[in-house]
């Protein structure tokens, strides 16, 4: 998966709702409700691992050990999540 590392972006308010996590961006200490993100159970799990910088390979290992999923399926889901999260500035690439 490569040697890129990922970490949560700053400037979001988080609220756990069941297995999902809702992220709301802040701008100048004001919540921007027009751009709310909801992460499912897998997204919440991956996002929680990004409290510190973590490699895509380590994320993949964690997903495979935590969920009943093949490495290939996990890799596809992870790539989709990372791409969307980076594009929406929820996470940063290092």
PDB file of N, CA and C in Angstrom:
ATOM      1  N   UNK A   1       0.823  -1.196   0.000  1.00  0.00           N
ATOM      2  CA  UNK A   1       0.000   0.000   0.000  1.00  0.00           C
ATOM      3  C   UNK A   1       0.861   1.251   0.000  1.00  0.00           C
ATOM      4  N   UNK A   2       2.106   1.105   0.289  1.00  0.00           N
ATOM      5  CA  UNK A   2       2.968   2.273   0.211  1.00  0.00           C
ATOM      6  C   UNK A   2       3.411   2.756   1.574  1.00  0.00           C
ATOM      7  N   UNK A   3       4.277   3.735   1.540  1.00  0.00           N
ATOM      8  CA  UNK A   3       4.863   4.269   2.766  1.00  0.00           C
ATOM      9  C   UNK A   3       4.262   5.604   3.181  1.00  0.00           C
ATOM     10  N   UNK A   4       3.064   5.895   2.726  1.00  0.00           N
ATOM     11  CA  UNK A   4       2.422   7.124   3.162  1.00  0.00           C
ATOM     12  C   UNK A   4       1.884   6.940   4.573  1.00  0.00           C
ATOM     13  N   UNK A   5       1.903   8.040   5.309  1.00  0.00           N
ATOM     14  CA  UNK A   5       1.378   8.037   6.669  1.00  0.00           C
ATOM     15  C   UNK A   5       0.200   8.993   6.738  1.00  0.00           C
ATOM     16  N   UNK A   6      -0.730   8.700   7.621  1.00  0.00           N
ATOM     17  CA  UNK A   6      -1.960   9.478   7.726  1.00  0.00           C
ATOM     18  C   UNK A   6      -2.192   9.893   9.170  1.00  0.00           C
ATOM     19  N   UNK A   7      -2.830  11.051   9.322  1.00  0.00           N
ATOM     20  CA  UNK A   7      -3.163  11.562  10.647  1.00  0.00           C
ATOM     21  C   UNK A   7      -4.426  12.410  10.521  1.00  0.00           C
ATOM     22  N   UNK A   8      -5.207  12.428  11.602  1.00  0.00           N
ATOM     23  CA  UNK A   8      -6.418  13.247  11.618  1.00  0.00           C
ATOM     24  C   UNK A   8      -6.078  14.716  11.395  1.00  0.00           C
ATOM     25  N   UNK A   9      -6.920  15.403  10.660  1.00  0.00           N
ATOM     26  CA  UNK A   9      -6.798  16.846  10.518  1.00  0.00           C
ATOM     27  C   UNK A   9      -7.374  17.507  11.766  1.00  0.00           C
ATOM     28  N   UNK A  10      -6.856  18.669  12.073  1.00  0.00           N
ATOM     29  CA  UNK A  10      -7.387  19.427  13.205  1.00  0.00           C
ATOM     30  C   UNK A  10      -8.594  20.233  12.727  1.00  0.00           C
ATOM     31  N   UNK A  11      -9.398  20.658  13.673  1.00  0.00           N
ATOM     32  CA  UNK A  11     -10.501  21.543  13.329  1.00  0.00           C
ATOM     33  C   UNK A  11     -11.832  20.843  13.122  1.00  0.00           C
ATOM     34  N   UNK A  12     -12.028  19.702  13.766  1.00  0.00           N
ATOM     35  CA  UNK A  12     -13.298  19.006  13.680  1.00  0.00           C
ATOM     36  C   UNK A  12     -13.844  18.737  15.079  1.00  0.00           C
ATOM     37  N   UNK A  13     -15.155  18.849  15.209  1.00  0.00           N
ATOM     38  CA  UNK A  13     -15.853  18.429  16.418  1.00  0.00           C
ATOM     39  C   UNK A  13     -16.340  17.017  16.139  1.00  0.00           C
ATOM     40  N   UNK A  14     -16.140  16.099  17.095  1.00  0.00           N
ATOM     41  CA  UNK A  14     -16.530  14.703  16.915  1.00  0.00           C
ATOM     42  C   UNK A  14     -17.670  14.352  17.864  1.00  0.00           C
ATOM     43  N   UNK A  15     -18.617  13.544  17.363  1.00  0.00           N
ATOM     44  CA  UNK A  15     -19.717  13.051  18.196  1.00  0.00           C
ATOM     45  C   UNK A  15     -20.001  11.611  17.814  1.00  0.00           C
ATOM     46  N   UNK A  16     -19.886  10.705  18.786  1.00  0.00           N
ATOM     47  CA  UNK A  16     -20.137   9.285  18.569  1.00  0.00           C
ATOM     48  C   UNK A  16     -21.637   9.025  18.675  1.00  0.00           C
ATOM     49  N   UNK A  17     -22.200   8.370  17.658  1.00  0.00           N
ATOM     50  CA  UNK A  17     -23.613   8.013  17.652  1.00  0.00           C
ATOM     51  C   UNK A  17     -23.699   6.538  17.283  1.00  0.00           C
ATOM     52  N   UNK A  18     -23.878   5.683  18.283  1.00  0.00           N
ATOM     53  CA  UNK A  18     -23.857   4.239  18.054  1.00  0.00           C
ATOM     54  C   UNK A  18     -22.469   3.814  17.628  1.00  0.00           C
ATOM     55  N   UNK A  19     -22.381   3.090  16.509  1.00  0.00           N
ATOM     56  CA  UNK A  19     -21.090   2.669  15.959  1.00  0.00           C
ATOM     57  C   UNK A  19     -20.503   3.716  15.014  1.00  0.00           C
ATOM     58  N   UNK A  20     -21.275   4.756  14.720  1.00  0.00           N
ATOM     59  CA  UNK A  20     -20.846   5.778  13.776  1.00  0.00           C
ATOM     60  C   UNK A  20     -20.239   6.983  14.489  1.00  0.00           C
ATOM     61  N   UNK A  21     -19.463   7.739  13.749  1.00  0.00           N
ATOM     62  CA  UNK A  21     -18.853   8.960  14.260  1.00  0.00           C
ATOM     63  C   UNK A  21     -19.207  10.093  13.310  1.00  0.00           C
ATOM     64  N   UNK A  22     -19.719  11.186  13.871  1.00  0.00           N
ATOM     65  CA  UNK A  22     -20.067  12.354  13.077  1.00  0.00           C
ATOM     66  C   UNK A  22     -18.975  13.400  13.286  1.00  0.00           C
ATOM     67  N   UNK A  23     -18.455  13.933  12.178  1.00  0.00           N
ATOM     68  CA  UNK A  23     -17.419  14.964  12.205  1.00  0.00           C
ATOM     69  C   UNK A  23     -17.995  16.250  11.623  1.00  0.00           C
ATOM     70  N   UNK A  24     -17.845  17.333  12.381  1.00  0.00           N
ATOM     71  CA  UNK A  24     -18.317  18.635  11.927  1.00  0.00           C
ATOM     72  C   UNK A  24     -17.125  19.582  11.932  1.00  0.00           C
ATOM     73  N   UNK A  25     -16.820  20.200  10.773  1.00  0.00           N
ATOM     74  CA  UNK A  25     -15.672  21.106  10.718  1.00  0.00           C
ATOM     75  C   UNK A  25     -15.946  22.421  11.445  1.00  0.00           C
ATOM     76  N   UNK A  26     -14.869  22.987  11.974  1.00  0.00           N
ATOM     77  CA  UNK A  26     -14.909  24.298  12.615  1.00  0.00           C
ATOM     78  C   UNK A  26     -14.153  25.296  11.751  1.00  0.00           C
ATOM     79  N   UNK A  27     -14.645  26.515  11.707  1.00  0.00           N
ATOM     80  CA  UNK A  27     -13.934  27.611  11.044  1.00  0.00           C
ATOM     81  C   UNK A  27     -14.049  28.822  11.950  1.00  0.00           C
ATOM     82  N   UNK A  28     -12.906  29.301  12.428  1.00  0.00           N
ATOM     83  CA  UNK A  28     -12.892  30.433  13.354  1.00  0.00           C
ATOM     84  C   UNK A  28     -13.774  30.168  14.567  1.00  0.00           C
ATOM     85  N   UNK A  29     -13.671  28.951  15.109  1.00  0.00           N
ATOM     86  CA  UNK A  29     -14.416  28.520  16.299  1.00  0.00           C
ATOM     87  C   UNK A  29     -15.921  28.438  16.081  1.00  0.00           C
ATOM     88  N   UNK A  30     -16.373  28.405  14.833  1.00  0.00           N
ATOM     89  CA  UNK A  30     -17.791  28.292  14.517  1.00  0.00           C
ATOM     90  C   UNK A  30     -18.008  26.982  13.764  1.00  0.00           C
ATOM     91  N   UNK A  31     -19.021  26.230  14.194  1.00  0.00           N
ATOM     92  CA  UNK A  31     -19.343  24.965  13.547  1.00  0.00           C
ATOM     93  C   UNK A  31     -19.941  25.235  12.167  1.00  0.00           C
ATOM     94  N   UNK A  32     -19.469  24.493  11.173  1.00  0.00           N
ATOM     95  CA  UNK A  32     -19.982  24.612   9.807  1.00  0.00           C
ATOM     96  C   UNK A  32     -20.909  23.436   9.518  1.00  0.00           C
ATOM     97  N   UNK A  33     -22.175  23.596   9.802  1.00  0.00           N
ATOM     98  CA  UNK A  33     -23.146  22.509   9.695  1.00  0.00           C
ATOM     99  C   UNK A  33     -23.437  22.089   8.254  1.00  0.00           C
ATOM    100  N   UNK A  34     -23.067  22.906   7.267  1.00  0.00           N
ATOM    101  CA  UNK A  34     -23.357  22.544   5.885  1.00  0.00           C
ATOM    102  C   UNK A  34     -22.422  21.452   5.357  1.00  0.00           C
ATOM    103  N   UNK A  35     -21.390  21.116   6.108  1.00  0.00           N
ATOM    104  CA  UNK A  35     -20.434  20.100   5.660  1.00  0.00           C
ATOM    105  C   UNK A  35     -20.152  19.129   6.806  1.00  0.00           C
ATOM    106  N   UNK A  36     -21.116  18.260   7.084  1.00  0.00           N
ATOM    107  CA  UNK A  36     -21.014  17.279   8.155  1.00  0.00           C
ATOM    108  C   UNK A  36     -20.641  15.937   7.530  1.00  0.00           C
ATOM    109  N   UNK A  37     -19.741  15.201   8.194  1.00  0.00           N
ATOM    110  CA  UNK A  37     -19.309  13.897   7.708  1.00  0.00           C
ATOM    111  C   UNK A  37     -19.716  12.823   8.705  1.00  0.00           C
ATOM    112  N   UNK A  38     -20.234  11.724   8.196  1.00  0.00           N
ATOM    113  CA  UNK A  38     -20.610  10.599   9.043  1.00  0.00           C
ATOM    114  C   UNK A  38     -19.756   9.393   8.652  1.00  0.00           C
ATOM    115  N   UNK A  39     -19.046   8.842   9.621  1.00  0.00           N
ATOM    116  CA  UNK A  39     -18.197   7.674   9.379  1.00  0.00           C
ATOM    117  C   UNK A  39     -18.902   6.434   9.910  1.00  0.00           C
ATOM    118  N   UNK A  40     -18.941   5.378   9.105  1.00  0.00           N
ATOM    119  CA  UNK A  40     -19.521   4.123   9.563  1.00  0.00           C
ATOM    120  C   UNK A  40     -18.557   3.428  10.524  1.00  0.00           C
ATOM    121  N   UNK A  41     -18.885   2.205  10.921  1.00  0.00           N
ATOM    122  CA  UNK A  41     -18.072   1.485  11.912  1.00  0.00           C
ATOM    123  C   UNK A  41     -16.620   1.338  11.460  1.00  0.00           C
ATOM    124  N   UNK A  42     -16.404   0.969  10.202  1.00  0.00           N
ATOM    125  CA  UNK A  42     -15.040   0.818   9.699  1.00  0.00           C
ATOM    126  C   UNK A  42     -14.327   2.164   9.647  1.00  0.00           C
ATOM    127  N   UNK A  43     -14.996   3.186   9.122  1.00  0.00           N
ATOM    128  CA  UNK A  43     -14.402   4.517   9.062  1.00  0.00           C
ATOM    129  C   UNK A  43     -14.052   5.047  10.437  1.00  0.00           C
ATOM    130  N   UNK A  44     -14.935   4.806  11.403  1.00  0.00           N
ATOM    131  CA  UNK A  44     -14.696   5.231  12.782  1.00  0.00           C
ATOM    132  C   UNK A  44     -13.475   4.522  13.350  1.00  0.00           C
ATOM    133  N   UNK A  45     -13.362   3.223  13.078  1.00  0.00           N
ATOM    134  CA  UNK A  45     -12.223   2.438  13.559  1.00  0.00           C
ATOM    135  C   UNK A  45     -10.922   2.971  12.962  1.00  0.00           C
ATOM    136  N   UNK A  46     -10.897   3.179  11.653  1.00  0.00           N
ATOM    137  CA  UNK A  46      -9.690   3.667  10.981  1.00  0.00           C
ATOM    138  C   UNK A  46      -9.340   5.068  11.479  1.00  0.00           C
ATOM    139  N   UNK A  47     -10.334   5.932  11.572  1.00  0.00           N
ATOM    140  CA  UNK A  47     -10.107   7.306  12.033  1.00  0.00           C
ATOM    141  C   UNK A  47      -9.547   7.314  13.454  1.00  0.00           C
ATOM    142  N   UNK A  48     -10.029   6.406  14.294  1.00  0.00           N
ATOM    143  CA  UNK A  48      -9.538   6.344  15.679  1.00  0.00           C
ATOM    144  C   UNK A  48      -8.062   5.972  15.732  1.00  0.00           C
ATOM    145  N   UNK A  49      -7.594   5.200  14.771  1.00  0.00           N
ATOM    146  CA  UNK A  49      -6.185   4.807  14.720  1.00  0.00           C
ATOM    147  C   UNK A  49      -5.275   5.954  14.280  1.00  0.00           C
ATOM    148  N   UNK A  50      -5.872   6.990  13.736  1.00  0.00           N
ATOM    149  CA  UNK A  50      -5.098   8.111  13.189  1.00  0.00           C
ATOM    150  C   UNK A  50      -4.884   9.233  14.194  1.00  0.00           C
ATOM    151  N   UNK A  51      -5.030   8.934  15.456  1.00  0.00           N
ATOM    152  CA  UNK A  51      -4.733   9.952  16.464  1.00  0.00           C
ATOM    153  C   UNK A  51      -3.273  10.374  16.353  1.00  0.00           C
ATOM    154  N   UNK A  52      -2.415   9.414  16.030  1.00  0.00           N
ATOM    155  CA  UNK A  52      -1.005   9.664  15.729  1.00  0.00           C
ATOM    156  C   UNK A  52      -0.786   9.222  14.295  1.00  0.00           C
ATOM    157  N   UNK A  53       0.303   9.664  13.685  1.00  0.00           N
ATOM    158  CA  UNK A  53       0.618   9.243  12.312  1.00  0.00           C
ATOM    159  C   UNK A  53       0.703   7.726  12.244  1.00  0.00           C
ATOM    160  N   UNK A  54       0.094   7.170  11.211  1.00  0.00           N
ATOM    161  CA  UNK A  54       0.098   5.726  11.031  1.00  0.00           C
ATOM    162  C   UNK A  54       0.169   5.429   9.536  1.00  0.00           C
ATOM    163  N   UNK A  55       0.880   4.362   9.194  1.00  0.00           N
ATOM    164  CA  UNK A  55       1.030   4.011   7.777  1.00  0.00           C
ATOM    165  C   UNK A  55      -0.210   3.272   7.280  1.00  0.00           C
ATOM    166  N   UNK A  56      -0.395   3.312   5.966  1.00  0.00           N
ATOM    167  CA  UNK A  56      -1.494   2.586   5.343  1.00  0.00           C
ATOM    168  C   UNK A  56      -1.355   1.092   5.597  1.00  0.00           C
ATOM    169  N   UNK A  57      -0.126   0.580   5.582  1.00  0.00           N
ATOM    170  CA  UNK A  57       0.099  -0.847   5.844  1.00  0.00           C
ATOM    171  C   UNK A  57      -0.341  -1.227   7.258  1.00  0.00           C
ATOM    172  N   UNK A  58      -0.047  -0.380   8.232  1.00  0.00           N
ATOM    173  CA  UNK A  58      -0.453  -0.644   9.616  1.00  0.00           C
ATOM    174  C   UNK A  58      -1.970  -0.557   9.750  1.00  0.00           C
ATOM    175  N   UNK A  59      -2.579   0.392   9.072  1.00  0.00           N
ATOM    176  CA  UNK A  59      -4.039   0.489   9.077  1.00  0.00           C
ATOM    177  C   UNK A  59      -4.657  -0.793   8.529  1.00  0.00           C
ATOM    178  N   UNK A  60      -4.111  -1.283   7.424  1.00  0.00           N
ATOM    179  CA  UNK A  60      -4.615  -2.504   6.800  1.00  0.00           C
ATOM    180  C   UNK A  60      -4.492  -3.697   7.753  1.00  0.00           C
ATOM    181  N   UNK A  61      -3.347  -3.839   8.405  1.00  0.00           N
ATOM    182  CA  UNK A  61      -3.163  -4.939   9.367  1.00  0.00           C
ATOM    183  C   UNK A  61      -4.202  -4.869  10.488  1.00  0.00           C
ATOM    184  N   UNK A  62      -4.472  -3.673  10.977  1.00  0.00           N
ATOM    185  CA  UNK A  62      -5.456  -3.499  12.044  1.00  0.00           C
ATOM    186  C   UNK A  62      -6.863  -3.863  11.584  1.00  0.00           C
ATOM    187  N   UNK A  63      -7.221  -3.484  10.369  1.00  0.00           N
ATOM    188  CA  UNK A  63      -8.552  -3.796   9.845  1.00  0.00           C
ATOM    189  C   UNK A  63      -8.737  -5.303   9.730  1.00  0.00           C
ATOM    190  N   UNK A  64      -7.746  -5.975   9.142  1.00  0.00           N
ATOM    191  CA  UNK A  64      -7.837  -7.422   8.941  1.00  0.00           C
ATOM    192  C   UNK A  64      -7.917  -8.156  10.277  1.00  0.00           C
ATOM    193  N   UNK A  65      -7.213  -7.662  11.291  1.00  0.00           N
ATOM    194  CA  UNK A  65      -7.250  -8.336  12.595  1.00  0.00           C
ATOM    195  C   UNK A  65      -8.533  -8.024  13.368  1.00  0.00           C
ATOM    196  N   UNK A  66      -9.163  -6.905  13.095  1.00  0.00           N
ATOM    197  CA  UNK A  66     -10.356  -6.490  13.847  1.00  0.00           C
ATOM    198  C   UNK A  66     -11.662  -6.955  13.204  1.00  0.00           C
ATOM    199  N   UNK A  67     -11.703  -7.014  11.877  1.00  0.00           N
ATOM    200  CA  UNK A  67     -12.936  -7.329  11.151  1.00  0.00           C
ATOM    201  C   UNK A  67     -12.800  -8.658  10.415  1.00  0.00           C
ATOM    202  N   UNK A  68     -13.916  -9.308  10.198  1.00  0.00           N
ATOM    203  CA  UNK A  68     -13.951 -10.563   9.461  1.00  0.00           C
ATOM    204  C   UNK A  68     -13.998 -10.242   7.969  1.00  0.00           C
ATOM    205  N   UNK A  69     -12.833  -9.926   7.415  1.00  0.00           N
ATOM    206  CA  UNK A  69     -12.734  -9.484   6.030  1.00  0.00           C
ATOM    207  C   UNK A  69     -11.394  -9.941   5.450  1.00  0.00           C
ATOM    208  N   UNK A  70     -11.388 -10.213   4.148  1.00  0.00           N
ATOM    209  CA  UNK A  70     -10.137 -10.610   3.501  1.00  0.00           C
ATOM    210  C   UNK A  70      -9.228  -9.401   3.363  1.00  0.00           C
ATOM    211  N   UNK A  71      -7.955  -9.672   3.184  1.00  0.00           N
ATOM    212  CA  UNK A  71      -6.989  -8.589   3.016  1.00  0.00           C
ATOM    213  C   UNK A  71      -7.306  -7.774   1.768  1.00  0.00           C
ATOM    214  N   UNK A  72      -7.723  -8.436   0.698  1.00  0.00           N
ATOM    215  CA  UNK A  72      -8.033  -7.747  -0.551  1.00  0.00           C
ATOM    216  C   UNK A  72      -9.237  -6.824  -0.391  1.00  0.00           C
ATOM    217  N   UNK A  73     -10.290  -7.317   0.271  1.00  0.00           N
ATOM    218  CA  UNK A  73     -11.479  -6.493   0.493  1.00  0.00           C
ATOM    219  C   UNK A  73     -11.154  -5.318   1.417  1.00  0.00           C
ATOM    220  N   UNK A  74     -10.390  -5.597   2.462  1.00  0.00           N
ATOM    221  CA  UNK A  74      -9.996  -4.542   3.403  1.00  0.00           C
ATOM    222  C   UNK A  74      -9.171  -3.471   2.690  1.00  0.00           C
ATOM    223  N   UNK A  75      -8.282  -3.901   1.811  1.00  0.00           N
ATOM    224  CA  UNK A  75      -7.435  -2.954   1.083  1.00  0.00           C
ATOM    225  C   UNK A  75      -8.279  -2.037   0.201  1.00  0.00           C
ATOM    226  N   UNK A  76      -9.263  -2.602  -0.484  1.00  0.00           N
ATOM    227  CA  UNK A  76     -10.147  -1.798  -1.323  1.00  0.00           C
ATOM    228  C   UNK A  76     -10.947  -0.796  -0.511  1.00  0.00           C
ATOM    229  N   UNK A  77     -11.513  -1.264   0.613  1.00  0.00           N
ATOM    230  CA  UNK A  77     -12.291  -0.378   1.486  1.00  0.00           C
ATOM    231  C   UNK A  77     -11.402   0.717   2.071  1.00  0.00           C
ATOM    232  N   UNK A  78     -10.197   0.353   2.477  1.00  0.00           N
ATOM    233  CA  UNK A  78      -9.279   1.324   3.061  1.00  0.00           C
ATOM    234  C   UNK A  78      -8.871   2.371   2.027  1.00  0.00           C
ATOM    235  N   UNK A  79      -8.546   1.935   0.827  1.00  0.00           N
ATOM    236  CA  UNK A  79      -8.162   2.889  -0.226  1.00  0.00           C
ATOM    237  C   UNK A  79      -9.292   3.880  -0.512  1.00  0.00           C
ATOM    238  N   UNK A  80     -10.525   3.389  -0.545  1.00  0.00           N
ATOM    239  CA  UNK A  80     -11.680   4.262  -0.769  1.00  0.00           C
ATOM    240  C   UNK A  80     -11.809   5.273   0.367  1.00  0.00           C
ATOM    241  N   UNK A  81     -11.709   4.784   1.603  1.00  0.00           N
ATOM    242  CA  UNK A  81     -11.814   5.673   2.761  1.00  0.00           C
ATOM    243  C   UNK A  81     -10.714   6.733   2.741  1.00  0.00           C
ATOM    244  N   UNK A  82      -9.477   6.304   2.537  1.00  0.00           N
ATOM    245  CA  UNK A  82      -8.353   7.247   2.549  1.00  0.00           C
ATOM    246  C   UNK A  82      -8.507   8.310   1.474  1.00  0.00           C
ATOM    247  N   UNK A  83      -8.884   7.904   0.285  1.00  0.00           N
ATOM    248  CA  UNK A  83      -9.059   8.842  -0.821  1.00  0.00           C
ATOM    249  C   UNK A  83     -10.131   9.881  -0.495  1.00  0.00           C
ATOM    250  N   UNK A  84     -11.287   9.428  -0.037  1.00  0.00           N
ATOM    251  CA  UNK A  84     -12.383  10.348   0.285  1.00  0.00           C
ATOM    252  C   UNK A  84     -12.042  11.234   1.477  1.00  0.00           C
ATOM    253  N   UNK A  85     -11.397  10.674   2.485  1.00  0.00           N
ATOM    254  CA  UNK A  85     -11.057  11.446   3.681  1.00  0.00           C
ATOM    255  C   UNK A  85     -10.012  12.509   3.372  1.00  0.00           C
ATOM    256  N   UNK A  86      -9.034  12.182   2.533  1.00  0.00           N
ATOM    257  CA  UNK A  86      -8.022  13.171   2.145  1.00  0.00           C
ATOM    258  C   UNK A  86      -8.677  14.260   1.298  1.00  0.00           C
ATOM    259  N   UNK A  87      -9.517  13.875   0.335  1.00  0.00           N
ATOM    260  CA  UNK A  87     -10.188  14.862  -0.519  1.00  0.00           C
ATOM    261  C   UNK A  87     -11.080  15.816   0.277  1.00  0.00           C
ATOM    262  N   UNK A  88     -11.654  15.324   1.372  1.00  0.00           N
ATOM    263  CA  UNK A  88     -12.525  16.154   2.217  1.00  0.00           C
ATOM    264  C   UNK A  88     -11.769  16.800   3.374  1.00  0.00           C
ATOM    265  N   UNK A  89     -10.448  16.639   3.380  1.00  0.00           N
ATOM    266  CA  UNK A  89      -9.562  17.244   4.374  1.00  0.00           C
ATOM    267  C   UNK A  89      -9.855  16.793   5.813  1.00  0.00           C
ATOM    268  N   UNK A  90     -10.379  15.562   5.943  1.00  0.00           N
ATOM    269  CA  UNK A  90     -10.619  14.982   7.259  1.00  0.00           C
ATOM    270  C   UNK A  90      -9.310  14.444   7.825  1.00  0.00           C
ATOM    271  N   UNK A  91      -8.469  13.938   6.933  1.00  0.00           N
ATOM    272  CA  UNK A  91      -7.155  13.433   7.325  1.00  0.00           C
ATOM    273  C   UNK A  91      -6.087  14.088   6.461  1.00  0.00           C
ATOM    274  N   UNK A  92      -4.849  14.025   6.941  1.00  0.00           N
ATOM    275  CA  UNK A  92      -3.726  14.583   6.204  1.00  0.00           C
ATOM    276  C   UNK A  92      -2.731  13.484   5.891  1.00  0.00           C
ATOM    277  N   UNK A  93      -2.034  13.635   4.763  1.00  0.00           N
ATOM    278  CA  UNK A  93      -1.008  12.687   4.334  1.00  0.00           C
ATOM    279  C   UNK A  93       0.362  13.240   4.696  1.00  0.00           C
ATOM    280  N   UNK A  94       1.218  12.377   5.234  1.00  0.00           N
ATOM    281  CA  UNK A  94       2.576  12.768   5.587  1.00  0.00           C
ATOM    282  C   UNK A  94       3.569  11.891   4.849  1.00  0.00           C
TER     283      UNK A  94
END
